[in-house]
PDB file of N, CA and C in Angstrom:
ATOM      1  N   MET A   1      86.692 110.570  80.664  1.00  0.00           N
ATOM      2  CA  MET A   1      87.185 110.472  81.631  1.00  0.00           C
ATOM      3  C   MET A   1      88.712 110.916  82.002  1.00  0.00           C
ATOM      4  N   LYS A   2      89.191 111.133  82.367  1.00  0.00           N
ATOM      5  CA  LYS A   2      90.649 111.669  82.515  1.00  0.00           C
ATOM      6  C   LYS A   2      91.485 110.410  83.361  1.00  0.00           C
ATOM      7  N   ILE A   3      92.218 109.762  82.919  1.00  0.00           N
ATOM      8  CA  ILE A   3      92.965 108.586  83.167  1.00  0.00           C
ATOM      9  C   ILE A   3      93.394 109.006  84.427  1.00  0.00           C
ATOM     10  N   ASP A   4      93.980 110.353  84.932  1.00  0.00           N
ATOM     11  CA  ASP A   4      94.461 110.541  86.211  1.00  0.00           C
ATOM     12  C   ASP A   4      93.626 110.702  87.535  1.00  0.00           C
ATOM     13  N   SER A   5      91.958 110.662  87.122  1.00  0.00           N
ATOM     14  CA  SER A   5      91.121 111.340  88.121  1.00  0.00           C
ATOM     15  C   SER A   5      91.299 110.462  89.116  1.00  0.00           C
ATOM     16  N   THR A   6      91.500 109.147  89.453  1.00  0.00           N
ATOM     17  CA  THR A   6      91.745 108.662  90.501  1.00  0.00           C
ATOM     18  C   THR A   6      92.858 109.662  91.149  1.00  0.00           C
ATOM     19  N   ALA A   7      93.775 109.459  91.087  1.00  0.00           N
ATOM     20  CA  ALA A   7      94.856 110.635  91.540  1.00  0.00           C
ATOM     21  C   ALA A   7      94.166 111.789  92.207  1.00  0.00           C
ATOM     22  N   ALA A   8      93.669 112.506  91.274  1.00  0.00           N
ATOM     23  CA  ALA A   8      92.866 113.867  91.814  1.00  0.00           C
ATOM     24  C   ALA A   8      92.123 113.524  92.781  1.00  0.00           C
ATOM     25  N   ILE A   9      91.299 112.335  92.900  1.00  0.00           N
ATOM     26  CA  ILE A   9      90.225 112.406  94.000  1.00  0.00           C
ATOM     27  C   ILE A   9      91.130 111.972  95.227  1.00  0.00           C
ATOM     28  N   LEU A  10      91.883 110.785  94.999  1.00  0.00           N
ATOM     29  CA  LEU A  10      93.238 110.924  96.366  1.00  0.00           C
ATOM     30  C   LEU A  10      93.556 112.096  96.979  1.00  0.00           C
ATOM     31  N   VAL A  11      94.240 112.998  95.865  1.00  0.00           N
ATOM     32  CA  VAL A  11      94.841 114.160  96.522  1.00  0.00           C
ATOM     33  C   VAL A  11      93.408 115.425  97.242  1.00  0.00           C
ATOM     34  N   GLN A  12      92.450 115.248  96.783  1.00  0.00           N
ATOM     35  CA  GLN A  12      91.413 115.943  97.430  1.00  0.00           C
ATOM     36  C   GLN A  12      91.051 115.166  98.615  1.00  0.00           C
ATOM     37  N   PHE A  13      90.555 113.976  98.400  1.00  0.00           N
ATOM     38  CA  PHE A  13      90.679 113.085  99.862  1.00  0.00           C
ATOM     39  C   PHE A  13      91.879 113.179 100.809  1.00  0.00           C
ATOM     40  N   GLU A  14      92.905 113.218 100.634  1.00  0.00           N
ATOM     41  CA  GLU A  14      93.779 113.419 101.691  1.00  0.00           C
ATOM     42  C   GLU A  14      93.782 115.126 101.897  1.00  0.00           C
ATOM     43  N   ALA A  15      93.253 115.906 101.204  1.00  0.00           N
ATOM     44  CA  ALA A  15      93.342 117.005 101.849  1.00  0.00           C
ATOM     45  C   ALA A  15      92.110 117.421 102.666  1.00  0.00           C
ATOM     46  N   ARG A  16      91.170 116.659 102.712  1.00  0.00           N
ATOM     47  CA  ARG A  16      89.599 116.372 103.577  1.00  0.00           C
ATOM     48  C   ARG A  16      90.000 116.006 104.673  1.00  0.00           C
ATOM     49  N   GLN A  17      91.151 114.651 104.645  1.00  0.00           N
ATOM     50  CA  GLN A  17      90.934 114.001 106.038  1.00  0.00           C
ATOM     51  C   GLN A  17      90.742 114.398 107.341  1.00  0.00           C
ATOM     52  N   ALA A  18      91.976 115.801 107.514  1.00  0.00           N
ATOM     53  CA  ALA A  18      91.729 116.776 108.619  1.00  0.00           C
ATOM     54  C   ALA A  18      90.221 117.103 108.664  1.00  0.00           C
ATOM     55  N   ASP A  19      89.271 117.593 108.149  1.00  0.00           N
ATOM     56  CA  ASP A  19      88.208 118.173 108.304  1.00  0.00           C
ATOM     57  C   ASP A  19      87.072 116.478 108.389  1.00  0.00           C
ATOM     58  N   MET A  20      87.256 115.866 107.993  1.00  0.00           N
ATOM     59  CA  MET A  20      86.557 114.313 108.581  1.00  0.00           C
ATOM     60  C   MET A  20      87.081 114.085 109.854  1.00  0.00           C
ATOM     61  N   LYS A  21      88.078 113.834 109.932  1.00  0.00           N
ATOM     62  CA  LYS A  21      88.878 113.796 111.426  1.00  0.00           C
ATOM     63  C   LYS A  21      87.851 114.935 112.747  1.00  0.00           C
ATOM     64  N   ALA A  22      87.718 115.841 112.296  1.00  0.00           N
ATOM     65  CA  ALA A  22      86.924 116.775 113.206  1.00  0.00           C
ATOM     66  C   ALA A  22      85.394 116.934 113.046  1.00  0.00           C
ATOM     67  N   GLY A  23      84.643 115.736 112.411  1.00  0.00           N
ATOM     68  CA  GLY A  23      83.514 115.429 112.374  1.00  0.00           C
ATOM     69  C   GLY A  23      82.417 116.266 110.711  1.00  0.00           C
ATOM     70  N   ARG A  24      83.618 116.995 110.085  1.00  0.00           N
ATOM     71  CA  ARG A  24      83.171 118.025 109.382  1.00  0.00           C
ATOM     72  C   ARG A  24      82.843 116.747 107.739  1.00  0.00           C
ATOM     73  N   ALA A  25      82.071 116.989 106.930  1.00  0.00           N
ATOM     74  CA  ALA A  25      81.638 116.438 105.621  1.00  0.00           C
ATOM     75  C   ALA A  25      83.137 116.269 104.831  1.00  0.00           C
ATOM     76  N   GLY A  26      83.408 115.117 104.403  1.00  0.00           N
ATOM     77  CA  GLY A  26      84.724 114.887 103.450  1.00  0.00           C
ATOM     78  C   GLY A  26      83.903 114.515 102.109  1.00  0.00           C
ATOM     79  N   MET A  27      82.506 114.762 101.914  1.00  0.00           N
ATOM     80  CA  MET A  27      82.246 113.991 100.750  1.00  0.00           C
ATOM     81  C   MET A  27      82.311 114.767  99.234  1.00  0.00           C
ATOM     82  N   PHE A  28      82.001 114.690  98.269  1.00  0.00           N
ATOM     83  CA  PHE A  28      82.219 115.448  97.440  1.00  0.00           C
ATOM     84  C   PHE A  28      80.858 116.401  96.689  1.00  0.00           C
ATOM     85  N   THR A  29      81.041 117.427  96.811  1.00  0.00           N
ATOM     86  CA  THR A  29      79.276 117.800  95.732  1.00  0.00           C
ATOM     87  C   THR A  29      79.834 117.418  94.090  1.00  0.00           C
ATOM     88  N   THR A  30      78.281 117.824  93.448  1.00  0.00           N
ATOM     89  CA  THR A  30      78.162 117.125  92.055  1.00  0.00           C
ATOM     90  C   THR A  30      79.078 118.470  91.572  1.00  0.00           C
ATOM     91  N   MET A  31      79.403 119.412  91.829  1.00  0.00           N
ATOM     92  CA  MET A  31      80.199 120.756  91.489  1.00  0.00           C
ATOM     93  C   MET A  31      81.428 120.260  91.027  1.00  0.00           C
ATOM     94  N   GLU A  32      82.281 119.471  92.751  1.00  0.00           N
ATOM     95  CA  GLU A  32      83.601 119.078  92.997  1.00  0.00           C
ATOM     96  C   GLU A  32      83.985 118.309  92.225  1.00  0.00           C
ATOM     97  N   LEU A  33      82.877 117.151  92.159  1.00  0.00           N
ATOM     98  CA  LEU A  33      82.910 115.927  91.185  1.00  0.00           C
ATOM     99  C   LEU A  33      82.860 116.581  89.674  1.00  0.00           C
ATOM    100  N   CYS A  34      82.109 117.118  89.184  1.00  0.00           N
ATOM    101  CA  CYS A  34      82.596 117.716  87.854  1.00  0.00           C
ATOM    102  C   CYS A  34      83.814 118.685  87.563  1.00  0.00           C
ATOM    103  N   ARG A  35      84.388 119.041  88.528  1.00  0.00           N
ATOM    104  CA  ARG A  35      85.717 119.621  88.559  1.00  0.00           C
ATOM    105  C   ARG A  35      86.780 118.700  87.832  1.00  0.00           C
ATOM    106  N   LEU A  36      86.827 117.266  89.258  1.00  0.00           N
ATOM    107  CA  LEU A  36      87.778 116.442  89.209  1.00  0.00           C
ATOM    108  C   LEU A  36      87.810 115.356  88.152  1.00  0.00           C
ATOM    109  N   LEU A  37      86.347 115.804  87.427  1.00  0.00           N
ATOM    110  CA  LEU A  37      86.756 113.904  86.400  1.00  0.00           C
ATOM    111  C   LEU A  37      86.595 115.165  85.063  1.00  0.00           C
ATOM    112  N   SER A  38      86.623 116.241  85.208  1.00  0.00           N
ATOM    113  CA  SER A  38      86.159 117.535  83.763  1.00  0.00           C
ATOM    114  C   SER A  38      85.089 116.867  82.952  1.00  0.00           C
ATOM    115  N   VAL A  39      84.004 116.501  83.876  1.00  0.00           N
ATOM    116  CA  VAL A  39      82.790 116.462  82.895  1.00  0.00           C
ATOM    117  C   VAL A  39      81.872 117.065  83.216  1.00  0.00           C
ATOM    118  N   THR A  40      80.743 117.563  82.546  1.00  0.00           N
ATOM    119  CA  THR A  40      79.709 118.519  83.060  1.00  0.00           C
ATOM    120  C   THR A  40      78.728 118.025  84.060  1.00  0.00           C
ATOM    121  N   LYS A  41      77.752 118.684  84.678  1.00  0.00           N
ATOM    122  CA  LYS A  41      76.775 118.586  85.289  1.00  0.00           C
ATOM    123  C   LYS A  41      75.762 117.856  84.713  1.00  0.00           C
ATOM    124  N   GLN A  42      75.693 117.969  83.444  1.00  0.00           N
ATOM    125  CA  GLN A  42      74.684 117.135  83.279  1.00  0.00           C
ATOM    126  C   GLN A  42      75.204 115.412  82.770  1.00  0.00           C
ATOM    127  N   THR A  43      76.618 115.251  82.385  1.00  0.00           N
ATOM    128  CA  THR A  43      76.805 113.915  82.589  1.00  0.00           C
ATOM    129  C   THR A  43      76.940 113.394  83.972  1.00  0.00           C
ATOM    130  N   VAL A  44      77.331 113.961  84.980  1.00  0.00           N
ATOM    131  CA  VAL A  44      76.909 112.997  86.628  1.00  0.00           C
ATOM    132  C   VAL A  44      75.344 113.087  86.511  1.00  0.00           C
ATOM    133  N   SER A  45      74.691 113.772  86.399  1.00  0.00           N
ATOM    134  CA  SER A  45      73.248 113.795  86.512  1.00  0.00           C
ATOM    135  C   SER A  45      72.471 112.696  85.255  1.00  0.00           C
ATOM    136  N   THR A  46      73.494 112.022  84.625  1.00  0.00           N
ATOM    137  CA  THR A  46      72.753 111.169  83.710  1.00  0.00           C
ATOM    138  C   THR A  46      73.423 109.890  84.376  1.00  0.00           C
ATOM    139  N   TRP A  47      74.973 109.685  85.187  1.00  0.00           N
ATOM    140  CA  TRP A  47      75.002 108.938  85.677  1.00  0.00           C
ATOM    141  C   TRP A  47      74.227 108.217  87.056  1.00  0.00           C
ATOM    142  N   VAL A  48      73.819 109.592  87.500  1.00  0.00           N
ATOM    143  CA  VAL A  48      73.318 109.307  88.880  1.00  0.00           C
ATOM    144  C   VAL A  48      71.957 108.257  88.669  1.00  0.00           C
ATOM    145  N   SER A  49      71.223 109.071  87.270  1.00  0.00           N
ATOM    146  CA  SER A  49      69.865 108.818  86.606  1.00  0.00           C
ATOM    147  C   SER A  49      69.631 107.421  86.817  1.00  0.00           C
ATOM    148  N   GLN A  50      71.109 107.001  85.979  1.00  0.00           N
ATOM    149  CA  GLN A  50      71.065 105.513  85.706  1.00  0.00           C
ATOM    150  C   GLN A  50      71.846 104.588  86.720  1.00  0.00           C
ATOM    151  N   GLY A  51      72.104 105.259  87.420  1.00  0.00           N
ATOM    152  CA  GLY A  51      72.124 104.568  88.824  1.00  0.00           C
ATOM    153  C   GLY A  51      74.008 104.246  88.266  1.00  0.00           C
ATOM    154  N   THR A  52      74.348 104.792  87.581  1.00  0.00           N
ATOM    155  CA  THR A  52      75.806 104.377  87.315  1.00  0.00           C
ATOM    156  C   THR A  52      76.910 104.745  88.287  1.00  0.00           C
ATOM    157  N   ILE A  53      76.832 105.327  88.641  1.00  0.00           N
ATOM    158  CA  ILE A  53      77.665 106.022  89.778  1.00  0.00           C
ATOM    159  C   ILE A  53      77.401 106.381  91.194  1.00  0.00           C
ATOM    160  N   PRO A  54      78.341 105.651  91.972  1.00  0.00           N
ATOM    161  CA  PRO A  54      77.877 105.692  93.537  1.00  0.00           C
ATOM    162  C   PRO A  54      77.749 106.725  94.335  1.00  0.00           C
ATOM    163  N   HIS A  55      76.985 107.571  94.763  1.00  0.00           N
ATOM    164  CA  HIS A  55      76.258 108.492  95.321  1.00  0.00           C
ATOM    165  C   HIS A  55      74.902 107.978  96.702  1.00  0.00           C
ATOM    166  N   PHE A  56      74.781 109.450  97.544  1.00  0.00           N
ATOM    167  CA  PHE A  56      73.460 109.342  97.981  1.00  0.00           C
ATOM    168  C   PHE A  56      73.158 110.268  98.246  1.00  0.00           C
ATOM    169  N   ARG A  57      72.167 110.798  98.730  1.00  0.00           N
ATOM    170  CA  ARG A  57      71.117 111.879  98.740  1.00  0.00           C
ATOM    171  C   ARG A  57      71.011 112.661 100.280  1.00  0.00           C
ATOM    172  N   ILE A  58      71.191 113.843 100.839  1.00  0.00           N
ATOM    173  CA  ILE A  58      70.963 114.534 102.141  1.00  0.00           C
ATOM    174  C   ILE A  58      69.797 115.309 101.385  1.00  0.00           C
ATOM    175  N   GLY A  59      68.435 114.798 101.776  1.00  0.00           N
ATOM    176  CA  GLY A  59      67.355 115.750 101.206  1.00  0.00           C
ATOM    177  C   GLY A  59      67.298 115.805  99.360  1.00  0.00           C
ATOM    178  N   THR A  60      67.765 116.571  99.464  1.00  0.00           N
ATOM    179  CA  THR A  60      67.994 116.893  97.679  1.00  0.00           C
ATOM    180  C   THR A  60      68.975 116.577  96.928  1.00  0.00           C
ATOM    181  N   LEU A  61      69.525 116.983  97.945  1.00  0.00           N
ATOM    182  CA  LEU A  61      71.316 117.193  97.808  1.00  0.00           C
ATOM    183  C   LEU A  61      72.245 115.882  97.606  1.00  0.00           C
ATOM    184  N   LEU A  62      72.982 115.894  96.027  1.00  0.00           N
ATOM    185  CA  LEU A  62      73.620 114.602  95.987  1.00  0.00           C
ATOM    186  C   LEU A  62      75.203 114.910  96.471  1.00  0.00           C
ATOM    187  N   ARG A  63      75.653 113.713  97.106  1.00  0.00           N
ATOM    188  CA  ARG A  63      76.877 113.797  97.656  1.00  0.00           C
ATOM    189  C   ARG A  63      77.611 112.688  97.137  1.00  0.00           C
ATOM    190  N   PHE A  64      78.730 112.300  97.042  1.00  0.00           N
ATOM    191  CA  PHE A  64      79.508 111.374  96.407  1.00  0.00           C
ATOM    192  C   PHE A  64      80.839 111.196  97.445  1.00  0.00           C
ATOM    193  N   ASP A  65      80.990 109.870  97.929  1.00  0.00           N
ATOM    194  CA  ASP A  65      81.903 109.591  98.689  1.00  0.00           C
ATOM    195  C   ASP A  65      83.267 109.068  98.208  1.00  0.00           C
ATOM    196  N   PRO A  66      84.631 109.559  98.637  1.00  0.00           N
ATOM    197  CA  PRO A  66      85.487 109.257  97.906  1.00  0.00           C
ATOM    198  C   PRO A  66      86.041 108.287  97.393  1.00  0.00           C
ATOM    199  N   VAL A  67      85.993 107.763  98.694  1.00  0.00           N
ATOM    200  CA  VAL A  67      86.479 106.203  98.594  1.00  0.00           C
ATOM    201  C   VAL A  67      85.495 104.964  97.289  1.00  0.00           C
ATOM    202  N   GLN A  68      84.343 105.165  97.727  1.00  0.00           N
ATOM    203  CA  GLN A  68      83.782 104.769  96.691  1.00  0.00           C
ATOM    204  C   GLN A  68      83.869 105.403  94.889  1.00  0.00           C
ATOM    205  N   LEU A  69      84.061 106.203  94.769  1.00  0.00           N
ATOM    206  CA  LEU A  69      84.227 107.130  93.761  1.00  0.00           C
ATOM    207  C   LEU A  69      85.741 106.381  92.935  1.00  0.00           C
ATOM    208  N   ILE A  70      86.890 106.195  93.760  1.00  0.00           N
ATOM    209  CA  ILE A  70      87.889 105.497  93.407  1.00  0.00           C
ATOM    210  C   ILE A  70      87.744 104.146  93.237  1.00  0.00           C
ATOM    211  N   ALA A  71      86.998 103.523  93.975  1.00  0.00           N
ATOM    212  CA  ALA A  71      86.521 101.646  93.704  1.00  0.00           C
ATOM    213  C   ALA A  71      86.107 101.860  92.277  1.00  0.00           C
ATOM    214  N   TRP A  72      85.257 102.736  91.801  1.00  0.00           N
ATOM    215  CA  TRP A  72      84.472 102.894  90.841  1.00  0.00           C
ATOM    216  C   TRP A  72      84.713 103.550  89.369  1.00  0.00           C
ATOM    217  N   ILE A  73      85.635 104.353  89.701  1.00  0.00           N
ATOM    218  CA  ILE A  73      86.524 104.796  88.494  1.00  0.00           C
ATOM    219  C   ILE A  73      87.788 103.617  88.086  1.00  0.00           C
ATOM    220  N   GLU A  74      88.435 103.215  89.628  1.00  0.00           N
ATOM    221  CA  GLU A  74      89.406 102.196  88.866  1.00  0.00           C
ATOM    222  C   GLU A  74      88.329 100.570  87.973  1.00  0.00           C
ATOM    223  N   GLN A  75      87.581 100.129  88.647  1.00  0.00           N
ATOM    224  CA  GLN A  75      86.632  99.638  87.747  1.00  0.00           C
ATOM    225  C   GLN A  75      86.299  99.792  86.613  1.00  0.00           C
ATOM    226  N   ARG A  76      86.010 100.928  86.194  1.00  0.00           N
ATOM    227  CA  ARG A  76      86.260 101.383  84.897  1.00  0.00           C
ATOM    228  C   ARG A  76      87.331 101.256  84.147  1.00  0.00           C
ATOM    229  N   GLN A  77      88.360 101.887  84.518  1.00  0.00           N
ATOM    230  CA  GLN A  77      89.426 102.111  83.553  1.00  0.00           C
ATOM    231  C   GLN A  77      89.896 100.103  83.292  1.00  0.00           C
ATOM    232  N   SER A  78      89.428  99.411  84.481  1.00  0.00           N
ATOM    233  CA  SER A  78      90.145  97.764  84.274  1.00  0.00           C
ATOM    234  C   SER A  78      89.357  97.521  83.052  1.00  0.00           C
ATOM    235  N   ALA A  79      87.833  97.950  83.183  1.00  0.00           N
ATOM    236  CA  ALA A  79      86.909  97.070  82.264  1.00  0.00           C
ATOM    237  C   ALA A  79      87.159  97.332  80.664  1.00  0.00           C
TER     238      ALA A  79
END
């Protein structure tokens, strides 16, 4: 995982704040998360199945809260 992942998520999060205020989703999809963290879909799937990464489901879809992701990345970087 890149060191600047937190910064990338913050930039994306700020770009979505207007959408979030308007009531539209501000959560990341699996593919967006893969691009932000420079990891494969399989890596994200493994993290999800192991309960390693914070996520939630909407039916069969996975979504990732930017605030929880930032905390998760910072925790992993300090470990």
